[in-house]
Amino acid sequence: MVFTLFFTGCGKKTEEYQKIDLKSSMLKENEMMSEKYTCDGDDISPPLEWSNIPDKTVSFCLIMDDPDAPGGVFTHWIVYNIPSNINKFNEGIPNIEELISGIKQGKNDFNKIGYSGPCPPSNSTHHYKFKIYAIDKILDLKSGINIDELMEEIENHILGKGELICIYKH
């Protein structure tokens, strides 16, 4: 006699999020980033725009990180409490704790508030992920939080996610 067992609902559920379209007029998917947005240039944030937003979105969080960093994922930018009626950032967001409309910025892994562009080791090509999350609430967090604090807070509130991946090499 052969028995086949089917298990459903065991283990952690994989969430399915609505896909948000994240793009930039100055960055192209899987292509080299302009030096302007890196430590070799002006080190300013690039323009970003997002669409295909989930209906019940209250706010957005934006993260940029480097999964290829020698010590593990390295966070370059954390922005949160972006109101749902804002769907783009212009180039050069100021590196200050609080922006207009209650938008807050966290502390990146350079221990700085705001954006710090790609700066990989010499002769090393790294991928940089811009990630946008649609969430169902405004976060009750102070400015200057780190990535772990942000991810813990949004864990059960994500409605949608989008990603734009670029590369950079010194």
Foldseek 3Di string as FASTA:
>chain_A
DDDDDDDPPPDDDDDDAAEKAKDAPQAAFAEAHDCCCAPNHVVKAGKMFIDPADPLFAWKKKWKWWQPAPVGIWTFWIKIPHGPVDGIDHIGDDQDQADPPRIGIAQTNVRGGGGHHDDHDAPDKIKMKIKMFGFNDHDPDGHHHYPVVVCVRRVPTTRYMYIGIYMYHD
